[in-house]
Amino acid sequence: MTHTITYADFERVDIRVGTIIEALPFPEARKPAYKLTIDFGPEIGTKKSSAQITVHYRLEELVGRQVLAVVNFPPRQIGPVRSEVLTLGFEDAAGAIVLAGVDQPVPNGKKMC
């Protein structure tokens, strides 16, 4: 178990749901990855992300999928891509990333509570 945080600490991490509207190859990445454009609704808009999810997901199945992302980290330059949000996932037993998401449709931009 990791160290304990307060609820106020948790509230500072802005985790939102968004819908992937574009998924493209990212051949320049050091590790296999995709370039994602995610719609977080009118308050946040669309944001770019790089995600190392090539083991479990094909590009054509990602568009329309809702994902969770941290939207209040500073942007990070990953090769030629400026990743504006951190798309969330979990490692499977082999270390490949499985996306975190919702099992029912949720309006884009809703904050995790």
N, C-alpha and C. Protein backbone atom coordinates (compact mmCIF):
# COMPACT_ATOMS: atom_id res chain seq x y z
N MET A 1 0.84 -1.18 0.00
CA MET A 1 0.00 0.00 0.00
C MET A 1 0.88 1.24 0.00
N THR A 2 0.43 2.28 -0.69
CA THR A 2 1.19 3.53 -0.73
C THR A 2 0.78 4.41 0.44
N HIS A 3 1.43 5.56 0.54
CA HIS A 3 1.11 6.45 1.65
C HIS A 3 -0.30 7.04 1.52
N THR A 4 -0.87 7.43 2.62
CA THR A 4 -2.23 7.96 2.69
C THR A 4 -2.25 9.42 2.24
N ILE A 5 -3.30 9.79 1.50
CA ILE A 5 -3.50 11.18 1.11
C ILE A 5 -4.83 11.65 1.69
N THR A 6 -5.04 12.95 1.65
CA THR A 6 -6.30 13.49 2.12
C THR A 6 -7.28 13.59 0.95
N TYR A 7 -8.56 13.78 1.28
CA TYR A 7 -9.55 13.97 0.24
C TYR A 7 -9.22 15.24 -0.57
N ALA A 8 -8.70 16.24 0.09
CA ALA A 8 -8.30 17.48 -0.61
C ALA A 8 -7.22 17.19 -1.65
N ASP A 9 -6.30 16.29 -1.34
CA ASP A 9 -5.28 15.89 -2.32
C ASP A 9 -5.94 15.27 -3.54
N PHE A 10 -6.88 14.36 -3.31
CA PHE A 10 -7.60 13.70 -4.40
C PHE A 10 -8.35 14.72 -5.26
N GLU A 11 -8.97 15.69 -4.63
CA GLU A 11 -9.74 16.70 -5.37
C GLU A 11 -8.88 17.54 -6.30
N ARG A 12 -7.60 17.64 -6.03
CA ARG A 12 -6.71 18.45 -6.88
C ARG A 12 -6.42 17.76 -8.20
N VAL A 13 -6.60 16.44 -8.28
CA VAL A 13 -6.39 15.72 -9.54
C VAL A 13 -7.72 15.76 -10.31
N ASP A 14 -7.70 16.42 -11.46
CA ASP A 14 -8.92 16.60 -12.25
C ASP A 14 -9.03 15.47 -13.28
N ILE A 15 -9.80 14.44 -12.93
CA ILE A 15 -10.01 13.30 -13.82
C ILE A 15 -11.37 13.46 -14.48
N ARG A 16 -11.36 13.47 -15.81
CA ARG A 16 -12.59 13.66 -16.59
C ARG A 16 -12.78 12.52 -17.58
N VAL A 17 -14.02 12.38 -18.02
CA VAL A 17 -14.34 11.41 -19.06
C VAL A 17 -14.41 12.15 -20.39
N GLY A 18 -13.90 11.50 -21.42
CA GLY A 18 -13.96 12.07 -22.76
C GLY A 18 -14.12 10.96 -23.79
N THR A 19 -14.49 11.36 -25.00
CA THR A 19 -14.68 10.41 -26.09
C THR A 19 -13.57 10.59 -27.12
N ILE A 20 -12.93 9.49 -27.48
CA ILE A 20 -11.90 9.54 -28.51
C ILE A 20 -12.57 9.84 -29.84
N ILE A 21 -12.13 10.93 -30.50
CA ILE A 21 -12.71 11.31 -31.79
C ILE A 21 -11.74 11.06 -32.94
N GLU A 22 -10.46 10.82 -32.59
CA GLU A 22 -9.46 10.50 -33.62
C GLU A 22 -8.37 9.67 -32.98
N ALA A 23 -7.94 8.63 -33.68
CA ALA A 23 -6.84 7.78 -33.24
C ALA A 23 -5.94 7.54 -34.44
N LEU A 24 -4.66 7.89 -34.28
CA LEU A 24 -3.71 7.80 -35.39
C LEU A 24 -2.47 7.03 -34.96
N PRO A 25 -1.75 6.45 -35.92
CA PRO A 25 -0.48 5.81 -35.59
C PRO A 25 0.51 6.85 -35.07
N PHE A 26 1.47 6.42 -34.29
CA PHE A 26 2.51 7.30 -33.76
C PHE A 26 3.86 6.59 -33.93
N PRO A 27 4.31 6.46 -35.18
CA PRO A 27 5.53 5.69 -35.45
C PRO A 27 6.79 6.31 -34.86
N GLU A 28 6.77 7.61 -34.55
CA GLU A 28 7.95 8.28 -34.00
C GLU A 28 8.17 8.00 -32.52
N ALA A 29 7.20 7.42 -31.85
CA ALA A 29 7.29 7.17 -30.41
C ALA A 29 8.37 6.12 -30.12
N ARG A 30 9.06 6.28 -28.97
CA ARG A 30 10.08 5.30 -28.55
C ARG A 30 9.47 3.92 -28.34
N LYS A 31 8.32 3.89 -27.67
CA LYS A 31 7.58 2.64 -27.45
C LYS A 31 6.31 2.73 -28.29
N PRO A 32 5.80 1.58 -28.78
CA PRO A 32 4.59 1.63 -29.62
C PRO A 32 3.45 2.39 -28.94
N ALA A 33 2.88 3.34 -29.68
CA ALA A 33 1.84 4.20 -29.11
C ALA A 33 0.93 4.71 -30.23
N TYR A 34 -0.20 5.27 -29.81
CA TYR A 34 -1.12 5.95 -30.71
C TYR A 34 -1.23 7.41 -30.29
N LYS A 35 -1.58 8.26 -31.27
CA LYS A 35 -1.93 9.65 -31.00
C LYS A 35 -3.45 9.72 -30.94
N LEU A 36 -3.97 10.23 -29.83
CA LEU A 36 -5.42 10.32 -29.64
C LEU A 36 -5.86 11.77 -29.57
N THR A 37 -7.02 12.06 -30.13
CA THR A 37 -7.71 13.33 -29.91
C THR A 37 -8.98 12.97 -29.15
N ILE A 38 -9.16 13.61 -27.99
CA ILE A 38 -10.25 13.26 -27.08
C ILE A 38 -11.13 14.48 -26.85
N ASP A 39 -12.44 14.31 -27.00
CA ASP A 39 -13.42 15.38 -26.77
C ASP A 39 -13.87 15.34 -25.32
N PHE A 40 -13.58 16.42 -24.58
CA PHE A 40 -13.98 16.53 -23.18
C PHE A 40 -15.15 17.50 -22.99
N GLY A 41 -15.91 17.75 -24.02
CA GLY A 41 -17.08 18.61 -23.90
C GLY A 41 -16.73 20.09 -24.01
N PRO A 42 -17.76 20.95 -23.93
CA PRO A 42 -17.57 22.38 -24.19
C PRO A 42 -16.67 23.11 -23.18
N GLU A 43 -16.64 22.69 -21.94
CA GLU A 43 -15.83 23.39 -20.93
C GLU A 43 -14.33 23.22 -21.18
N ILE A 44 -13.91 22.03 -21.57
CA ILE A 44 -12.49 21.73 -21.76
C ILE A 44 -12.10 21.67 -23.23
N GLY A 45 -13.00 21.19 -24.06
CA GLY A 45 -12.73 21.08 -25.49
C GLY A 45 -12.02 19.79 -25.84
N THR A 46 -11.36 19.78 -27.00
CA THR A 46 -10.62 18.60 -27.43
C THR A 46 -9.16 18.73 -27.01
N LYS A 47 -8.58 17.61 -26.64
CA LYS A 47 -7.19 17.56 -26.19
C LYS A 47 -6.49 16.39 -26.86
N LYS A 48 -5.17 16.51 -27.01
CA LYS A 48 -4.34 15.46 -27.59
C LYS A 48 -3.69 14.64 -26.49
N SER A 49 -3.45 13.37 -26.79
CA SER A 49 -2.77 12.49 -25.86
C SER A 49 -1.99 11.44 -26.63
N SER A 50 -0.89 11.00 -26.07
CA SER A 50 -0.16 9.85 -26.59
C SER A 50 -0.43 8.71 -25.63
N ALA A 51 -0.75 7.53 -26.17
CA ALA A 51 -1.09 6.41 -25.31
C ALA A 51 -0.44 5.13 -25.82
N GLN A 52 0.25 4.43 -24.93
CA GLN A 52 0.91 3.17 -25.26
C GLN A 52 -0.08 2.01 -25.08
N ILE A 53 -1.04 1.95 -25.97
CA ILE A 53 -2.15 0.99 -25.85
C ILE A 53 -2.25 0.08 -27.07
N THR A 54 -1.16 -0.10 -27.79
CA THR A 54 -1.20 -0.82 -29.06
C THR A 54 -1.39 -2.33 -28.91
N VAL A 55 -1.12 -2.89 -27.74
CA VAL A 55 -1.25 -4.34 -27.56
C VAL A 55 -2.71 -4.77 -27.57
N HIS A 56 -3.55 -4.05 -26.85
CA HIS A 56 -4.95 -4.48 -26.69
C HIS A 56 -5.95 -3.77 -27.61
N TYR A 57 -5.52 -2.71 -28.31
CA TYR A 57 -6.48 -1.91 -29.08
C TYR A 57 -5.99 -1.65 -30.49
N ARG A 58 -6.91 -1.72 -31.45
CA ARG A 58 -6.65 -1.35 -32.83
C ARG A 58 -7.20 0.07 -33.04
N LEU A 59 -6.58 0.82 -33.91
CA LEU A 59 -6.98 2.20 -34.16
C LEU A 59 -8.48 2.33 -34.44
N GLU A 60 -8.98 1.45 -35.30
CA GLU A 60 -10.38 1.57 -35.74
C GLU A 60 -11.39 1.31 -34.63
N GLU A 61 -11.00 0.65 -33.55
CA GLU A 61 -11.95 0.39 -32.46
C GLU A 61 -11.90 1.46 -31.37
N LEU A 62 -10.96 2.39 -31.47
CA LEU A 62 -10.82 3.40 -30.42
C LEU A 62 -11.77 4.58 -30.60
N VAL A 63 -12.03 4.98 -31.84
CA VAL A 63 -12.90 6.13 -32.08
C VAL A 63 -14.30 5.82 -31.55
N GLY A 64 -14.81 6.74 -30.73
CA GLY A 64 -16.12 6.57 -30.11
C GLY A 64 -16.05 6.00 -28.70
N ARG A 65 -14.90 5.52 -28.29
CA ARG A 65 -14.74 4.93 -26.96
C ARG A 65 -14.52 6.03 -25.92
N GLN A 66 -15.19 5.91 -24.79
CA GLN A 66 -14.99 6.86 -23.70
C GLN A 66 -13.85 6.38 -22.81
N VAL A 67 -12.99 7.35 -22.42
CA VAL A 67 -11.83 7.06 -21.58
C VAL A 67 -11.76 8.08 -20.45
N LEU A 68 -10.96 7.75 -19.45
CA LEU A 68 -10.69 8.67 -18.35
C LEU A 68 -9.31 9.28 -18.55
N ALA A 69 -9.17 10.55 -18.18
CA ALA A 69 -7.88 11.22 -18.32
C ALA A 69 -7.72 12.29 -17.26
N VAL A 70 -6.47 12.51 -16.86
CA VAL A 70 -6.13 13.65 -15.99
C VAL A 70 -5.97 14.83 -16.92
N VAL A 71 -6.75 15.89 -16.68
CA VAL A 71 -6.74 17.05 -17.59
C VAL A 71 -6.01 18.25 -17.01
N ASN A 72 -5.51 18.15 -15.78
CA ASN A 72 -4.84 19.33 -15.20
C ASN A 72 -3.34 19.12 -14.95
N PHE A 73 -2.72 18.16 -15.64
CA PHE A 73 -1.26 18.09 -15.67
C PHE A 73 -0.76 19.06 -16.72
N PRO A 74 0.47 19.56 -16.58
CA PRO A 74 1.00 20.40 -17.66
C PRO A 74 1.23 19.55 -18.91
N PRO A 75 1.12 20.15 -20.10
CA PRO A 75 1.38 19.40 -21.34
C PRO A 75 2.81 18.84 -21.33
N ARG A 76 2.98 17.72 -22.03
CA ARG A 76 4.28 17.07 -22.08
C ARG A 76 4.62 16.80 -23.54
N GLN A 77 5.82 17.16 -23.94
CA GLN A 77 6.26 16.92 -25.31
C GLN A 77 6.77 15.49 -25.43
N ILE A 78 6.16 14.71 -26.30
CA ILE A 78 6.57 13.32 -26.54
C ILE A 78 6.91 13.23 -28.03
N GLY A 79 8.19 13.36 -28.33
CA GLY A 79 8.61 13.43 -29.73
C GLY A 79 7.94 14.63 -30.37
N PRO A 80 7.31 14.44 -31.54
CA PRO A 80 6.66 15.57 -32.21
C PRO A 80 5.25 15.87 -31.67
N VAL A 81 4.79 15.11 -30.69
CA VAL A 81 3.42 15.27 -30.18
C VAL A 81 3.44 15.99 -28.84
N ARG A 82 2.56 16.97 -28.70
CA ARG A 82 2.36 17.66 -27.42
C ARG A 82 1.17 16.98 -26.75
N SER A 83 1.45 16.14 -25.76
CA SER A 83 0.40 15.42 -25.05
C SER A 83 -0.18 16.34 -23.98
N GLU A 84 -1.47 16.65 -24.10
CA GLU A 84 -2.10 17.65 -23.23
C GLU A 84 -2.82 17.04 -22.04
N VAL A 85 -3.13 15.74 -22.10
CA VAL A 85 -3.80 15.05 -21.00
C VAL A 85 -3.14 13.69 -20.81
N LEU A 86 -3.29 13.12 -19.62
CA LEU A 86 -2.79 11.77 -19.33
C LEU A 86 -3.96 10.81 -19.38
N THR A 87 -4.01 10.00 -20.45
CA THR A 87 -5.05 9.00 -20.58
C THR A 87 -4.74 7.87 -19.59
N LEU A 88 -5.74 7.46 -18.82
CA LEU A 88 -5.51 6.52 -17.72
C LEU A 88 -5.76 5.07 -18.11
N GLY A 89 -4.98 4.19 -17.50
CA GLY A 89 -5.12 2.77 -17.74
C GLY A 89 -4.39 1.99 -16.66
N PHE A 90 -4.44 0.68 -16.79
CA PHE A 90 -3.81 -0.23 -15.84
C PHE A 90 -2.97 -1.23 -16.62
N GLU A 91 -1.87 -1.68 -16.02
CA GLU A 91 -1.08 -2.74 -16.64
C GLU A 91 -1.75 -4.09 -16.41
N ASP A 92 -1.79 -4.90 -17.47
CA ASP A 92 -2.26 -6.27 -17.29
C ASP A 92 -1.10 -7.11 -16.75
N ALA A 93 -1.29 -8.42 -16.63
CA ALA A 93 -0.26 -9.29 -16.06
C ALA A 93 1.05 -9.25 -16.85
N ALA A 94 0.98 -8.95 -18.14
CA ALA A 94 2.17 -8.90 -18.98
C ALA A 94 2.75 -7.50 -19.10
N GLY A 95 2.11 -6.50 -18.49
CA GLY A 95 2.60 -5.13 -18.54
C GLY A 95 2.01 -4.28 -19.65
N ALA A 96 1.10 -4.82 -20.45
CA ALA A 96 0.42 -4.04 -21.49
C ALA A 96 -0.70 -3.22 -20.86
N ILE A 97 -0.96 -2.04 -21.41
CA ILE A 97 -1.93 -1.12 -20.83
C ILE A 97 -3.36 -1.44 -21.28
N VAL A 98 -4.26 -1.47 -20.30
CA VAL A 98 -5.70 -1.62 -20.50
C VAL A 98 -6.32 -0.28 -20.10
N LEU A 99 -7.10 0.32 -20.98
CA LEU A 99 -7.68 1.63 -20.72
C LEU A 99 -8.66 1.62 -19.55
N ALA A 100 -8.65 2.70 -18.77
CA ALA A 100 -9.67 2.93 -17.75
C ALA A 100 -10.83 3.65 -18.44
N GLY A 101 -12.04 3.24 -18.13
CA GLY A 101 -13.18 3.87 -18.77
C GLY A 101 -14.43 3.70 -17.93
N VAL A 102 -15.55 3.93 -18.56
CA VAL A 102 -16.84 3.81 -17.90
C VAL A 102 -17.63 2.69 -18.59
N ASP A 103 -18.56 2.07 -17.86
CA ASP A 103 -19.32 0.99 -18.47
C ASP A 103 -20.71 1.42 -18.93
N GLN A 104 -21.04 2.69 -18.72
CA GLN A 104 -22.27 3.29 -19.22
C GLN A 104 -21.89 4.65 -19.82
N PRO A 105 -22.61 5.14 -20.85
CA PRO A 105 -22.29 6.44 -21.41
C PRO A 105 -22.41 7.56 -20.36
N VAL A 106 -21.45 8.47 -20.40
CA VAL A 106 -21.40 9.61 -19.48
C VAL A 106 -21.15 10.84 -20.34
N PRO A 107 -21.77 12.00 -20.04
CA PRO A 107 -21.50 13.20 -20.82
C PRO A 107 -20.00 13.56 -20.80
N ASN A 108 -19.46 13.88 -21.97
CA ASN A 108 -18.05 14.27 -22.05
C ASN A 108 -17.78 15.44 -21.10
N GLY A 109 -16.65 15.35 -20.41
CA GLY A 109 -16.22 16.42 -19.51
C GLY A 109 -16.63 16.22 -18.06
N LYS A 110 -17.47 15.22 -17.78
CA LYS A 110 -17.87 14.99 -16.38
C LYS A 110 -16.64 14.63 -15.56
N LYS A 111 -16.61 15.19 -14.35
CA LYS A 111 -15.48 14.97 -13.45
C LYS A 111 -15.72 13.72 -12.61
N MET A 112 -14.63 12.98 -12.37
CA MET A 112 -14.72 11.81 -11.50
C MET A 112 -15.01 12.28 -10.10
N CYS A 113 -15.91 11.57 -9.43
CA CYS A 113 -16.27 11.96 -8.05
C CYS A 113 -16.23 10.76 -7.15
